[in-house]
Amino acid sequence: MGIENRRWKGLFAPTEVVELKQMCLTPGQMFQPGKYKAEDLPEIAFEMGLVESVTNRETQQDKVDPASENE
């Protein structure tokens, strides 16, 4: 059994860009996977673990030193 990645909308600034990893269906709307402002997505997407911070992932990729990969 995997570790759950549950979050809540309050962890993100309303204007922070996040990535919706899977389609999210609500009674009134369908959200396709992609990048959105956190304020544009429903709370359920965060609770289900469908949302990932784009900034954190890009920051982690920047921390990898390309020189150390060649050693």
C-alpha atoms as a PDB file:
ATOM      1  CA  MET A   1       0.000   0.000   0.000  1.00  0.00           C
ATOM      2  CA  GLY A   2       1.422   3.371  -1.023  1.00  0.00           C
ATOM      3  CA  ILE A   3       1.758   6.494   1.030  1.00  0.00           C
ATOM      4  CA  GLU A   4      -1.159   8.856   0.523  1.00  0.00           C
ATOM      5  CA  ASN A   5      -0.342  12.310  -0.769  1.00  0.00           C
ATOM      6  CA  ARG A   6      -3.229  14.269   0.717  1.00  0.00           C
ATOM      7  CA  ARG A   7      -3.140  18.040   0.818  1.00  0.00           C
ATOM      8  CA  TRP A   8      -5.552  20.863   1.351  1.00  0.00           C
ATOM      9  CA  LYS A   9      -6.079  23.982  -0.675  1.00  0.00           C
ATOM     10  CA  GLY A  10      -4.817  26.223   2.146  1.00  0.00           C
ATOM     11  CA  LEU A  11      -1.256  24.934   1.662  1.00  0.00           C
ATOM     12  CA  PHE A  12      -1.016  26.881  -1.582  1.00  0.00           C
ATOM     13  CA  ALA A  13      -1.205  30.607  -2.262  1.00  0.00           C
ATOM     14  CA  PRO A  14      -4.339  31.387  -4.298  1.00  0.00           C
ATOM     15  CA  THR A  15      -2.259  32.578  -7.259  1.00  0.00           C
ATOM     16  CA  GLU A  16       0.321  29.760  -7.036  1.00  0.00           C
ATOM     17  CA  VAL A  17       0.514  27.624 -10.166  1.00  0.00           C
ATOM     18  CA  VAL A  18      -0.148  23.946  -9.459  1.00  0.00           C
ATOM     19  CA  GLU A  19      -0.437  20.893 -11.677  1.00  0.00           C
ATOM     20  CA  LEU A  20      -3.532  18.742 -11.778  1.00  0.00           C
ATOM     21  CA  LYS A  21      -2.185  15.229 -12.439  1.00  0.00           C
ATOM     22  CA  GLN A  22      -5.491  13.521 -13.301  1.00  0.00           C
ATOM     23  CA  MET A  23      -8.913  14.522 -14.536  1.00  0.00           C
ATOM     24  CA  CYS A  24     -11.144  15.830 -11.756  1.00  0.00           C
ATOM     25  CA  LEU A  25     -14.929  15.660 -12.075  1.00  0.00           C
ATOM     26  CA  THR A  26     -17.263  17.726  -9.930  1.00  0.00           C
ATOM     27  CA  PRO A  27     -21.056  17.925 -10.224  1.00  0.00           C
ATOM     28  CA  GLY A  28     -20.774  21.168 -12.179  1.00  0.00           C
ATOM     29  CA  GLN A  29     -17.458  21.002 -14.000  1.00  0.00           C
ATOM     30  CA  MET A  30     -14.734  18.794 -15.478  1.00  0.00           C
ATOM     31  CA  PHE A  31     -11.068  19.722 -15.009  1.00  0.00           C
ATOM     32  CA  GLN A  32      -8.528  18.291 -17.453  1.00  0.00           C
ATOM     33  CA  PRO A  33      -4.945  17.535 -16.316  1.00  0.00           C
ATOM     34  CA  GLY A  34      -2.683  20.554 -16.630  1.00  0.00           C
ATOM     35  CA  LYS A  35      -1.491  23.677 -14.864  1.00  0.00           C
ATOM     36  CA  TYR A  36      -3.937  25.900 -12.988  1.00  0.00           C
ATOM     37  CA  LYS A  37      -3.909  28.609 -10.347  1.00  0.00           C
ATOM     38  CA  ALA A  38      -4.678  26.986  -6.997  1.00  0.00           C
ATOM     39  CA  GLU A  39      -7.760  29.179  -6.588  1.00  0.00           C
ATOM     40  CA  ASP A  40      -9.265  27.812  -9.836  1.00  0.00           C
ATOM     41  CA  LEU A  41      -9.377  24.168  -8.681  1.00  0.00           C
ATOM     42  CA  PRO A  42     -11.980  22.640  -6.345  1.00  0.00           C
ATOM     43  CA  GLU A  43     -11.049  21.580  -2.815  1.00  0.00           C
ATOM     44  CA  ILE A  44     -11.729  17.922  -3.651  1.00  0.00           C
ATOM     45  CA  ALA A  45      -8.829  17.855  -6.131  1.00  0.00           C
ATOM     46  CA  PHE A  46      -6.438  18.737  -3.302  1.00  0.00           C
ATOM     47  CA  GLU A  47      -8.041  16.303  -0.849  1.00  0.00           C
ATOM     48  CA  MET A  48      -7.785  13.441  -3.343  1.00  0.00           C
ATOM     49  CA  GLY A  49      -4.069  14.109  -3.881  1.00  0.00           C
ATOM     50  CA  LEU A  50      -4.498  15.051  -7.542  1.00  0.00           C
ATOM     51  CA  VAL A  51      -2.624  18.354  -7.211  1.00  0.00           C
ATOM     52  CA  GLU A  52       1.127  18.870  -7.131  1.00  0.00           C
ATOM     53  CA  SER A  53       3.080  22.079  -6.688  1.00  0.00           C
ATOM     54  CA  VAL A  54       4.845  23.068  -9.896  1.00  0.00           C
ATOM     55  CA  THR A  55       7.271  25.362  -8.082  1.00  0.00           C
ATOM     56  CA  ASN A  56       8.536  22.678  -5.707  1.00  0.00           C
ATOM     57  CA  ARG A  57       9.103  20.171  -8.510  1.00  0.00           C
ATOM     58  CA  GLU A  58      11.015  22.715 -10.633  1.00  0.00           C
ATOM     59  CA  THR A  59      13.065  23.741  -7.589  1.00  0.00           C
ATOM     60  CA  GLN A  60      14.001  20.109  -6.907  1.00  0.00           C
ATOM     61  CA  GLN A  61      15.118  19.652 -10.517  1.00  0.00           C
ATOM     62  CA  ASP A  62      17.278  22.787 -10.268  1.00  0.00           C
ATOM     63  CA  LYS A  63      19.020  21.347  -7.185  1.00  0.00           C
ATOM     64  CA  VAL A  64      20.404  18.403  -9.172  1.00  0.00           C
ATOM     65  CA  ASP A  65      23.975  19.236 -10.151  1.00  0.00           C
ATOM     66  CA  PRO A  66      24.588  18.089 -13.751  1.00  0.00           C
ATOM     67  CA  ALA A  67      28.343  17.788 -13.045  1.00  0.00           C
ATOM     68  CA  SER A  68      27.738  15.219 -10.303  1.00  0.00           C
ATOM     69  CA  GLU A  69      25.740  13.024 -12.716  1.00  0.00           C
ATOM     70  CA  ASN A  70      28.804  12.579 -14.959  1.00  0.00           C
ATOM     71  CA  GLU A  71      31.044  11.241 -12.200  1.00  0.00           C
END
